[in-house]
PDB file of N, CA and C in Angstrom:
ATOM      1  N   MET A   1      13.574  32.668 -36.484  1.00  0.00           N
ATOM      2  CA  MET A   1      13.849  31.249 -36.595  1.00  0.00           C
ATOM      3  C   MET A   1      14.393  30.699 -35.266  1.00  0.00           C
ATOM      4  N   LYS A   2      15.282  31.496 -34.636  1.00  0.00           N
ATOM      5  CA  LYS A   2      15.859  31.068 -33.365  1.00  0.00           C
ATOM      6  C   LYS A   2      14.780  30.973 -32.287  1.00  0.00           C
ATOM      7  N   LYS A   3      13.826  31.923 -32.292  1.00  0.00           N
ATOM      8  CA  LYS A   3      12.727  31.895 -31.327  1.00  0.00           C
ATOM      9  C   LYS A   3      11.883  30.639 -31.503  1.00  0.00           C
ATOM     10  N   LEU A   4      11.609  30.280 -32.733  1.00  0.00           N
ATOM     11  CA  LEU A   4      10.806  29.095 -33.022  1.00  0.00           C
ATOM     12  C   LEU A   4      11.493  27.828 -32.513  1.00  0.00           C
ATOM     13  N   MET A   5      12.802  27.762 -32.680  1.00  0.00           N
ATOM     14  CA  MET A   5      13.552  26.595 -32.200  1.00  0.00           C
ATOM     15  C   MET A   5      13.513  26.512 -30.675  1.00  0.00           C
ATOM     16  N   ILE A   6      13.629  27.651 -30.003  1.00  0.00           N
ATOM     17  CA  ILE A   6      13.596  27.677 -28.539  1.00  0.00           C
ATOM     18  C   ILE A   6      12.210  27.275 -28.036  1.00  0.00           C
ATOM     19  N   ILE A   7      11.173  27.794 -28.652  1.00  0.00           N
ATOM     20  CA  ILE A   7       9.797  27.452 -28.258  1.00  0.00           C
ATOM     21  C   ILE A   7       9.544  25.961 -28.493  1.00  0.00           C
ATOM     22  N   THR A   8       9.994  25.446 -29.623  1.00  0.00           N
ATOM     23  CA  THR A   8       9.835  24.025 -29.933  1.00  0.00           C
ATOM     24  C   THR A   8      10.573  23.169 -28.912  1.00  0.00           C
ATOM     25  N   PHE A   9      11.787  23.570 -28.553  1.00  0.00           N
ATOM     26  CA  PHE A   9      12.570  22.830 -27.570  1.00  0.00           C
ATOM     27  C   PHE A   9      11.855  22.771 -26.221  1.00  0.00           C
ATOM     28  N   PHE A  10      11.357  23.904 -25.738  1.00  0.00           N
ATOM     29  CA  PHE A  10      10.663  23.931 -24.458  1.00  0.00           C
ATOM     30  C   PHE A  10       9.353  23.140 -24.506  1.00  0.00           C
ATOM     31  N   ALA A  11       8.646  23.216 -25.600  1.00  0.00           N
ATOM     32  CA  ALA A  11       7.404  22.452 -25.736  1.00  0.00           C
ATOM     33  C   ALA A  11       7.699  20.961 -25.715  1.00  0.00           C
ATOM     34  N   PHE A  12       8.727  20.540 -26.441  1.00  0.00           N
ATOM     35  CA  PHE A  12       9.104  19.126 -26.458  1.00  0.00           C
ATOM     36  C   PHE A  12       9.553  18.671 -25.072  1.00  0.00           C
ATOM     37  N   SER A  13      10.347  19.510 -24.382  1.00  0.00           N
ATOM     38  CA  SER A  13      10.802  19.178 -23.032  1.00  0.00           C
ATOM     39  C   SER A  13       9.624  19.018 -22.076  1.00  0.00           C
ATOM     40  N   PHE A  14       8.673  19.941 -22.168  1.00  0.00           N
ATOM     41  CA  PHE A  14       7.494  19.883 -21.303  1.00  0.00           C
ATOM     42  C   PHE A  14       6.696  18.607 -21.553  1.00  0.00           C
ATOM     43  N   LEU A  15       6.480  18.257 -22.807  1.00  0.00           N
ATOM     44  CA  LEU A  15       5.731  17.040 -23.146  1.00  0.00           C
ATOM     45  C   LEU A  15       6.478  15.791 -22.688  1.00  0.00           C
ATOM     46  N   SER A  16       7.783  15.775 -22.805  1.00  0.00           N
ATOM     47  CA  SER A  16       8.579  14.629 -22.369  1.00  0.00           C
ATOM     48  C   SER A  16       8.483  14.446 -20.867  1.00  0.00           C
ATOM     49  N   ILE A  17       8.583  15.542 -20.134  1.00  0.00           N
ATOM     50  CA  ILE A  17       8.502  15.466 -18.670  1.00  0.00           C
ATOM     51  C   ILE A  17       7.122  14.992 -18.234  1.00  0.00           C
ATOM     52  N   SER A  18       6.063  15.492 -18.843  1.00  0.00           N
ATOM     53  CA  SER A  18       4.727  15.066 -18.458  1.00  0.00           C
ATOM     54  C   SER A  18       4.482  13.609 -18.837  1.00  0.00           C
ATOM     55  N   ALA A  19       5.066  13.126 -19.916  1.00  0.00           N
ATOM     56  CA  ALA A  19       4.931  11.717 -20.284  1.00  0.00           C
ATOM     57  C   ALA A  19       5.644  10.832 -19.273  1.00  0.00           C
ATOM     58  N   ILE A  20       6.828  11.253 -18.843  1.00  0.00           N
ATOM     59  CA  ILE A  20       7.569  10.487 -17.830  1.00  0.00           C
ATOM     60  C   ILE A  20       6.803  10.494 -16.521  1.00  0.00           C
ATOM     61  N   GLU A  21       6.274  11.620 -16.122  1.00  0.00           N
ATOM     62  CA  GLU A  21       5.500  11.735 -14.875  1.00  0.00           C
ATOM     63  C   GLU A  21       4.287  10.815 -14.913  1.00  0.00           C
ATOM     64  N   THR A  22       3.606  10.749 -16.021  1.00  0.00           N
ATOM     65  CA  THR A  22       2.426   9.894 -16.149  1.00  0.00           C
ATOM     66  C   THR A  22       2.801   8.429 -16.032  1.00  0.00           C
ATOM     67  N   SER A  23       3.892   8.024 -16.654  1.00  0.00           N
ATOM     68  CA  SER A  23       4.264   6.610 -16.626  1.00  0.00           C
ATOM     69  C   SER A  23       4.740   6.181 -15.246  1.00  0.00           C
ATOM     70  N   THR A  24       5.372   7.053 -14.468  1.00  0.00           N
ATOM     71  CA  THR A  24       5.834   6.663 -13.145  1.00  0.00           C
ATOM     72  C   THR A  24       4.683   6.592 -12.151  1.00  0.00           C
ATOM     73  N   ASN A  25       3.592   7.279 -12.392  1.00  0.00           N
ATOM     74  CA  ASN A  25       2.461   7.270 -11.468  1.00  0.00           C
ATOM     75  C   ASN A  25       1.569   6.059 -11.627  1.00  0.00           C
ATOM     76  N   LYS A  26       1.806   5.209 -12.591  1.00  0.00           N
ATOM     77  CA  LYS A  26       0.966   4.032 -12.789  1.00  0.00           C
ATOM     78  C   LYS A  26       1.050   3.075 -11.621  1.00  0.00           C
ATOM     79  N   ARG A  27       2.123   3.119 -10.871  1.00  0.00           N
ATOM     80  CA  ARG A  27       2.296   2.196  -9.756  1.00  0.00           C
ATOM     81  C   ARG A  27       1.766   2.750  -8.446  1.00  0.00           C
ATOM     82  N   LEU A  28       1.220   3.926  -8.452  1.00  0.00           N
ATOM     83  CA  LEU A  28       0.704   4.534  -7.231  1.00  0.00           C
ATOM     84  C   LEU A  28      -0.801   4.352  -7.153  1.00  0.00           C
ATOM     85  N   ALA A  29      -1.313   4.296  -5.926  1.00  0.00           N
ATOM     86  CA  ALA A  29      -2.752   4.112  -5.737  1.00  0.00           C
ATOM     87  C   ALA A  29      -3.172   4.695  -4.394  1.00  0.00           C
ATOM     88  N   GLU A  30      -4.452   4.930  -4.254  1.00  0.00           N
ATOM     89  CA  GLU A  30      -5.022   5.286  -2.959  1.00  0.00           C
ATOM     90  C   GLU A  30      -5.264   3.981  -2.205  1.00  0.00           C
ATOM     91  N   VAL A  31      -4.931   3.967  -0.934  1.00  0.00           N
ATOM     92  CA  VAL A  31      -5.045   2.755  -0.131  1.00  0.00           C
ATOM     93  C   VAL A  31      -6.305   2.830   0.713  1.00  0.00           C
ATOM     94  N   ASN A  32      -7.036   1.724   0.783  1.00  0.00           N
ATOM     95  CA  ASN A  32      -8.234   1.670   1.621  1.00  0.00           C
ATOM     96  C   ASN A  32      -7.848   1.662   3.090  1.00  0.00           C
ATOM     97  N   GLN A  33      -8.761   2.146   3.909  1.00  0.00           N
ATOM     98  CA  GLN A  33      -8.553   2.184   5.352  1.00  0.00           C
ATOM     99  C   GLN A  33      -9.713   1.486   6.033  1.00  0.00           C
ATOM    100  N   LYS A  34      -9.392   0.681   7.039  1.00  0.00           N
ATOM    101  CA  LYS A  34     -10.427   0.000   7.799  1.00  0.00           C
ATOM    102  C   LYS A  34      -9.999  -0.049   9.255  1.00  0.00           C
ATOM    103  N   GLU A  35     -10.899   0.339  10.130  1.00  0.00           N
ATOM    104  CA  GLU A  35     -10.667   0.333  11.573  1.00  0.00           C
ATOM    105  C   GLU A  35      -9.380   1.059  11.952  1.00  0.00           C
ATOM    106  N   GLY A  36      -9.080   2.145  11.259  1.00  0.00           N
ATOM    107  CA  GLY A  36      -7.917   2.956  11.575  1.00  0.00           C
ATOM    108  C   GLY A  36      -6.614   2.497  10.950  1.00  0.00           C
ATOM    109  N   PHE A  37      -6.617   1.377  10.239  1.00  0.00           N
ATOM    110  CA  PHE A  37      -5.416   0.864   9.598  1.00  0.00           C
ATOM    111  C   PHE A  37      -5.495   1.073   8.087  1.00  0.00           C
ATOM    112  N   LEU A  38      -4.379   1.464   7.485  1.00  0.00           N
ATOM    113  CA  LEU A  38      -4.278   1.437   6.030  1.00  0.00           C
ATOM    114  C   LEU A  38      -4.048  -0.020   5.638  1.00  0.00           C
ATOM    115  N   ILE A  39      -4.721  -0.472   4.594  1.00  0.00           N
ATOM    116  CA  ILE A  39      -4.673  -1.882   4.206  1.00  0.00           C
ATOM    117  C   ILE A  39      -3.911  -2.034   2.895  1.00  0.00           C
ATOM    118  N   PHE A  40      -2.829  -2.792   2.938  1.00  0.00           N
ATOM    119  CA  PHE A  40      -2.050  -3.110   1.747  1.00  0.00           C
ATOM    120  C   PHE A  40      -2.235  -4.598   1.445  1.00  0.00           C
ATOM    121  N   MET A  41      -2.874  -4.909   0.336  1.00  0.00           N
ATOM    122  CA  MET A  41      -3.113  -6.293  -0.070  1.00  0.00           C
ATOM    123  C   MET A  41      -2.145  -6.639  -1.196  1.00  0.00           C
ATOM    124  N   GLN A  42      -1.219  -7.539  -0.919  1.00  0.00           N
ATOM    125  CA  GLN A  42      -0.207  -7.963  -1.884  1.00  0.00           C
ATOM    126  C   GLN A  42       0.484  -6.760  -2.525  1.00  0.00           C
ATOM    127  N   SER A  43       0.800  -5.763  -1.715  1.00  0.00           N
ATOM    128  CA  SER A  43       1.502  -4.569  -2.181  1.00  0.00           C
ATOM    129  C   SER A  43       2.316  -4.013  -1.017  1.00  0.00           C
ATOM    130  N   GLN A  44       3.207  -3.095  -1.338  1.00  0.00           N
ATOM    131  CA  GLN A  44       4.081  -2.502  -0.335  1.00  0.00           C
ATOM    132  C   GLN A  44       3.905  -0.990  -0.330  1.00  0.00           C
ATOM    133  N   PRO A  45       3.977  -0.354   0.830  1.00  0.00           N
ATOM    134  CA  PRO A  45       3.919   1.104   0.875  1.00  0.00           C
ATOM    135  C   PRO A  45       5.167   1.713   0.240  1.00  0.00           C
ATOM    136  N   VAL A  46       5.014   2.886  -0.322  1.00  0.00           N
ATOM    137  CA  VAL A  46       6.138   3.603  -0.911  1.00  0.00           C
ATOM    138  C   VAL A  46       6.924   4.317   0.184  1.00  0.00           C
ATOM    139  N   ALA A  47       6.240   4.835   1.175  1.00  0.00           N
ATOM    140  CA  ALA A  47       6.885   5.575   2.270  1.00  0.00           C
ATOM    141  C   ALA A  47       7.681   4.630   3.167  1.00  0.00           C
ATOM    142  N   GLU A  48       8.683   5.175   3.835  1.00  0.00           N
ATOM    143  CA  GLU A  48       9.490   4.384   4.764  1.00  0.00           C
ATOM    144  C   GLU A  48       8.655   3.993   5.982  1.00  0.00           C
ATOM    145  N   TYR A  49       8.915   2.796   6.477  1.00  0.00           N
ATOM    146  CA  TYR A  49       8.182   2.302   7.639  1.00  0.00           C
ATOM    147  C   TYR A  49       9.047   1.351   8.442  1.00  0.00           C
ATOM    148  N   GLU A  50       8.613   1.097   9.660  1.00  0.00           N
ATOM    149  CA  GLU A  50       9.264   0.086  10.493  1.00  0.00           C
ATOM    150  C   GLU A  50       8.254  -1.008  10.789  1.00  0.00           C
ATOM    151  N   VAL A  51       8.737  -2.229  10.830  1.00  0.00           N
ATOM    152  CA  VAL A  51       7.880  -3.378  11.106  1.00  0.00           C
ATOM    153  C   VAL A  51       7.720  -3.512  12.609  1.00  0.00           C
ATOM    154  N   LEU A  52       6.470  -3.536  13.066  1.00  0.00           N
ATOM    155  CA  LEU A  52       6.196  -3.724  14.495  1.00  0.00           C
ATOM    156  C   LEU A  52       6.106  -5.198  14.839  1.00  0.00           C
ATOM    157  N   GLY A  53       5.574  -5.989  13.933  1.00  0.00           N
ATOM    158  CA  GLY A  53       5.431  -7.420  14.172  1.00  0.00           C
ATOM    159  C   GLY A  53       4.458  -8.045  13.199  1.00  0.00           C
ATOM    160  N   THR A  54       4.247  -9.328  13.386  1.00  0.00           N
ATOM    161  CA  THR A  54       3.370 -10.102  12.503  1.00  0.00           C
ATOM    162  C   THR A  54       2.245 -10.720  13.307  1.00  0.00           C
ATOM    163  N   VAL A  55       1.068 -10.728  12.733  1.00  0.00           N
ATOM    164  CA  VAL A  55      -0.056 -11.454  13.322  1.00  0.00           C
ATOM    165  C   VAL A  55      -0.342 -12.653  12.428  1.00  0.00           C
ATOM    166  N   LYS A  56      -0.665 -13.781  13.063  1.00  0.00           N
ATOM    167  CA  LYS A  56      -0.908 -15.013  12.316  1.00  0.00           C
ATOM    168  C   LYS A  56      -2.281 -15.552  12.620  1.00  0.00           C
ATOM    169  N   LYS A  57      -2.822 -16.236  11.641  1.00  0.00           N
ATOM    170  CA  LYS A  57      -4.102 -16.919  11.835  1.00  0.00           C
ATOM    171  C   LYS A  57      -3.835 -18.161  12.673  1.00  0.00           C
ATOM    172  N   THR A  58      -4.486 -18.249  13.802  1.00  0.00           N
ATOM    173  CA  THR A  58      -4.348 -19.430  14.645  1.00  0.00           C
ATOM    174  C   THR A  58      -5.739 -19.914  15.025  1.00  0.00           C
ATOM    175  N   GLY A  59      -5.851 -21.157  15.329  1.00  0.00           N
ATOM    176  CA  GLY A  59      -7.138 -21.709  15.731  1.00  0.00           C
ATOM    177  C   GLY A  59      -8.038 -22.004  14.549  1.00  0.00           C
ATOM    178  N   LEU A  60      -9.264 -22.321  14.871  1.00  0.00           N
ATOM    179  CA  LEU A  60     -10.239 -22.675  13.846  1.00  0.00           C
ATOM    180  C   LEU A  60     -11.118 -21.491  13.501  1.00  0.00           C
ATOM    181  N   THR A  61     -11.643 -21.506  12.310  1.00  0.00           N
ATOM    182  CA  THR A  61     -12.615 -20.498  11.889  1.00  0.00           C
ATOM    183  C   THR A  61     -13.895 -21.218  11.496  1.00  0.00           C
ATOM    184  N   TRP A  62     -15.016 -20.505  11.556  1.00  0.00           N
ATOM    185  CA  TRP A  62     -16.295 -21.120  11.237  1.00  0.00           C
ATOM    186  C   TRP A  62     -16.393 -21.499   9.767  1.00  0.00           C
ATOM    187  N   THR A  63     -16.146 -20.527   8.921  1.00  0.00           N
ATOM    188  CA  THR A  63     -16.333 -20.777   7.493  1.00  0.00           C
ATOM    189  C   THR A  63     -15.025 -20.810   6.720  1.00  0.00           C
ATOM    190  N   GLY A  64     -14.003 -20.155   7.235  1.00  0.00           N
ATOM    191  CA  GLY A  64     -12.739 -20.062   6.512  1.00  0.00           C
ATOM    192  C   GLY A  64     -12.818 -19.102   5.337  1.00  0.00           C
ATOM    193  N   SER A  65     -13.867 -18.284   5.305  1.00  0.00           N
ATOM    194  CA  SER A  65     -14.029 -17.336   4.204  1.00  0.00           C
ATOM    195  C   SER A  65     -12.962 -16.240   4.304  1.00  0.00           C
ATOM    196  N   PRO A  66     -12.605 -15.632   3.179  1.00  0.00           N
ATOM    197  CA  PRO A  66     -11.622 -14.547   3.220  1.00  0.00           C
ATOM    198  C   PRO A  66     -12.033 -13.413   4.159  1.00  0.00           C
ATOM    199  N   GLU A  67     -13.308 -13.080   4.183  1.00  0.00           N
ATOM    200  CA  GLU A  67     -13.775 -12.005   5.056  1.00  0.00           C
ATOM    201  C   GLU A  67     -13.570 -12.363   6.524  1.00  0.00           C
ATOM    202  N   GLU A  68     -13.853 -13.600   6.892  1.00  0.00           N
ATOM    203  CA  GLU A  68     -13.671 -14.032   8.280  1.00  0.00           C
ATOM    204  C   GLU A  68     -12.191 -14.026   8.659  1.00  0.00           C
ATOM    205  N   LEU A  69     -11.327 -14.510   7.779  1.00  0.00           N
ATOM    206  CA  LEU A  69      -9.889 -14.511   8.046  1.00  0.00           C
ATOM    207  C   LEU A  69      -9.355 -13.084   8.149  1.00  0.00           C
ATOM    208  N   PHE A  70      -9.808 -12.211   7.258  1.00  0.00           N
ATOM    209  CA  PHE A  70      -9.411 -10.807   7.266  1.00  0.00           C
ATOM    210  C   PHE A  70      -9.805 -10.161   8.592  1.00  0.00           C
ATOM    211  N   ASN A  71     -11.047 -10.351   9.008  1.00  0.00           N
ATOM    212  CA  ASN A  71     -11.526  -9.754  10.264  1.00  0.00           C
ATOM    213  C   ASN A  71     -10.774 -10.300  11.474  1.00  0.00           C
ATOM    214  N   THR A  72     -10.444 -11.594  11.459  1.00  0.00           N
ATOM    215  CA  THR A  72      -9.687 -12.194  12.549  1.00  0.00           C
ATOM    216  C   THR A  72      -8.308 -11.555  12.669  1.00  0.00           C
ATOM    217  N   LEU A  73      -7.624 -11.394  11.536  1.00  0.00           N
ATOM    218  CA  LEU A  73      -6.300 -10.771  11.557  1.00  0.00           C
ATOM    219  C   LEU A  73      -6.373  -9.302  11.944  1.00  0.00           C
ATOM    220  N   MET A  74      -7.427  -8.617  11.531  1.00  0.00           N
ATOM    221  CA  MET A  74      -7.593  -7.208  11.905  1.00  0.00           C
ATOM    222  C   MET A  74      -7.765  -7.066  13.417  1.00  0.00           C
ATOM    223  N   LYS A  75      -8.598  -7.914  14.012  1.00  0.00           N
ATOM    224  CA  LYS A  75      -8.803  -7.874  15.467  1.00  0.00           C
ATOM    225  C   LYS A  75      -7.505  -8.153  16.206  1.00  0.00           C
ATOM    226  N   ARG A  76      -6.772  -9.149  15.721  1.00  0.00           N
ATOM    227  CA  ARG A  76      -5.521  -9.511  16.373  1.00  0.00           C
ATOM    228  C   ARG A  76      -4.500  -8.373  16.242  1.00  0.00           C
ATOM    229  N   ALA A  77      -4.459  -7.717  15.102  1.00  0.00           N
ATOM    230  CA  ALA A  77      -3.535  -6.599  14.894  1.00  0.00           C
ATOM    231  C   ALA A  77      -3.888  -5.438  15.813  1.00  0.00           C
ATOM    232  N   LYS A  78      -5.166  -5.147  15.923  1.00  0.00           N
ATOM    233  CA  LYS A  78      -5.612  -4.046  16.780  1.00  0.00           C
ATOM    234  C   LYS A  78      -5.246  -4.326  18.239  1.00  0.00           C
ATOM    235  N   LYS A  79      -5.342  -5.577  18.650  1.00  0.00           N
ATOM    236  CA  LYS A  79      -5.036  -5.959  20.029  1.00  0.00           C
ATOM    237  C   LYS A  79      -3.523  -5.964  20.282  1.00  0.00           C
ATOM    238  N   ASP A  80      -2.757  -6.600  19.386  1.00  0.00           N
ATOM    239  CA  ASP A  80      -1.319  -6.775  19.599  1.00  0.00           C
ATOM    240  C   ASP A  80      -0.490  -5.542  19.253  1.00  0.00           C
ATOM    241  N   TYR A  81      -0.919  -4.758  18.262  1.00  0.00           N
ATOM    242  CA  TYR A  81      -0.145  -3.605  17.792  1.00  0.00           C
ATOM    243  C   TYR A  81      -1.057  -2.383  17.632  1.00  0.00           C
ATOM    244  N   PRO A  82      -1.558  -1.832  18.716  1.00  0.00           N
ATOM    245  CA  PRO A  82      -2.497  -0.700  18.623  1.00  0.00           C
ATOM    246  C   PRO A  82      -1.882   0.562  18.026  1.00  0.00           C
ATOM    247  N   LYS A  83      -0.555   0.688  18.044  1.00  0.00           N
ATOM    248  CA  LYS A  83       0.097   1.879  17.487  1.00  0.00           C
ATOM    249  C   LYS A  83       0.425   1.724  16.004  1.00  0.00           C
ATOM    250  N   ALA A  84       0.053   0.624  15.396  1.00  0.00           N
ATOM    251  CA  ALA A  84       0.344   0.402  13.970  1.00  0.00           C
ATOM    252  C   ALA A  84      -0.455   1.372  13.111  1.00  0.00           C
ATOM    253  N   ASP A  85       0.162   1.801  12.014  1.00  0.00           N
ATOM    254  CA  ASP A  85      -0.508   2.679  11.052  1.00  0.00           C
ATOM    255  C   ASP A  85      -1.146   1.878   9.920  1.00  0.00           C
ATOM    256  N   ALA A  86      -0.548   0.728   9.614  1.00  0.00           N
ATOM    257  CA  ALA A  86      -1.001  -0.030   8.449  1.00  0.00           C
ATOM    258  C   ALA A  86      -0.746  -1.515   8.641  1.00  0.00           C
ATOM    259  N   ILE A  87      -1.426  -2.294   7.809  1.00  0.00           N
ATOM    260  CA  ILE A  87      -1.257  -3.741   7.805  1.00  0.00           C
ATOM    261  C   ILE A  87      -0.979  -4.173   6.374  1.00  0.00           C
ATOM    262  N   ILE A  88       0.040  -5.031   6.222  1.00  0.00           N
ATOM    263  CA  ILE A  88       0.387  -5.556   4.904  1.00  0.00           C
ATOM    264  C   ILE A  88       0.006  -7.035   4.872  1.00  0.00           C
ATOM    265  N   PHE A  89      -0.916  -7.383   3.973  1.00  0.00           N
ATOM    266  CA  PHE A  89      -1.294  -8.776   3.751  1.00  0.00           C
ATOM    267  C   PHE A  89      -0.508  -9.260   2.540  1.00  0.00           C
ATOM    268  N   GLU A  90       0.522 -10.089   2.787  1.00  0.00           N
ATOM    269  CA  GLU A  90       1.395 -10.508   1.700  1.00  0.00           C
ATOM    270  C   GLU A  90       0.858 -11.685   0.901  1.00  0.00           C
ATOM    271  N   ASP A  91       0.136 -12.569   1.548  1.00  0.00           N
ATOM    272  CA  ASP A  91      -0.326 -13.765   0.832  1.00  0.00           C
ATOM    273  C   ASP A  91      -1.835 -13.745   0.652  1.00  0.00           C
ATOM    274  N   ILE A  92      -2.278 -14.373  -0.394  1.00  0.00           N
ATOM    275  CA  ILE A  92      -3.709 -14.369  -0.726  1.00  0.00           C
ATOM    276  C   ILE A  92      -4.510 -15.286   0.203  1.00  0.00           C
ATOM    277  N   GLU A  93      -3.833 -16.196   0.887  1.00  0.00           N
ATOM    278  CA  GLU A  93      -4.530 -17.108   1.806  1.00  0.00           C
ATOM    279  C   GLU A  93      -4.898 -16.442   3.128  1.00  0.00           C
ATOM    280  N   LEU A  94      -4.362 -15.254   3.375  1.00  0.00           N
ATOM    281  CA  LEU A  94      -4.625 -14.497   4.608  1.00  0.00           C
ATOM    282  C   LEU A  94      -4.228 -15.287   5.854  1.00  0.00           C
ATOM    283  N   ASN A  95      -3.081 -15.953   5.786  1.00  0.00           N
ATOM    284  CA  ASN A  95      -2.579 -16.693   6.936  1.00  0.00           C
ATOM    285  C   ASN A  95      -1.836 -15.805   7.925  1.00  0.00           C
ATOM    286  N   HIS A  96      -1.291 -14.697   7.433  1.00  0.00           N
ATOM    287  CA  HIS A  96      -0.566 -13.783   8.312  1.00  0.00           C
ATOM    288  C   HIS A  96      -0.565 -12.386   7.705  1.00  0.00           C
ATOM    289  N   ALA A  97      -0.227 -11.416   8.555  1.00  0.00           N
ATOM    290  CA  ALA A  97      -0.148 -10.026   8.120  1.00  0.00           C
ATOM    291  C   ALA A  97       0.930  -9.331   8.922  1.00  0.00           C
ATOM    292  N   THR A  98       1.573  -8.348   8.310  1.00  0.00           N
ATOM    293  CA  THR A  98       2.627  -7.593   8.965  1.00  0.00           C
ATOM    294  C   THR A  98       2.082  -6.225   9.372  1.00  0.00           C
ATOM    295  N   CYS A  99       2.298  -5.876  10.636  1.00  0.00           N
ATOM    296  CA  CYS A  99       1.845  -4.584  11.155  1.00  0.00           C
ATOM    297  C   CYS A  99       3.019  -3.610  11.108  1.00  0.00           C
ATOM    298  N   ILE A 100       2.765  -2.419  10.573  1.00  0.00           N
ATOM    299  CA  ILE A 100       3.853  -1.442  10.389  1.00  0.00           C
ATOM    300  C   ILE A 100       3.469  -0.075  10.953  1.00  0.00           C
ATOM    301  N   LYS A 101       4.500   0.740  11.181  1.00  0.00           N
ATOM    302  CA  LYS A 101       4.329   2.133  11.588  1.00  0.00           C
ATOM    303  C   LYS A 101       5.199   2.966  10.663  1.00  0.00           C
ATOM    304  N   PHE A 102       4.624   4.019  10.085  1.00  0.00           N
ATOM    305  CA  PHE A 102       5.369   4.881   9.176  1.00  0.00           C
ATOM    306  C   PHE A 102       6.322   5.763   9.938  1.00  0.00           C
ATOM    307  N   LYS A 103       7.476   6.025   9.340  1.00  0.00           N
ATOM    308  CA  LYS A 103       8.506   6.888   9.974  1.00  0.00           C
ATOM    309  C   LYS A 103       8.171   8.339   9.753  1.00  0.00           C
TER     310      LYS A 103
END
């Protein structure tokens, strides 16, 4: 009887831990990479990082499409912050992006 209780306890503990592990992983994802930068769209990296600077959309664009704005900010980030590991796009309008380097 004592063995059965111990086995039941360990089985319940194992199931509880795996349930907790599954629920905490819902917020994790694989991040896309483009032109050597990890791209965070309206999200934040989990790992520690330092902010190198911000790139802003300036001037006129031909179409104002999201793809054109994205490419403009990517080019500017590559030029201004070549040592950056990732870019964080905080707003959906793609007016600016933050360039970061992981610690």
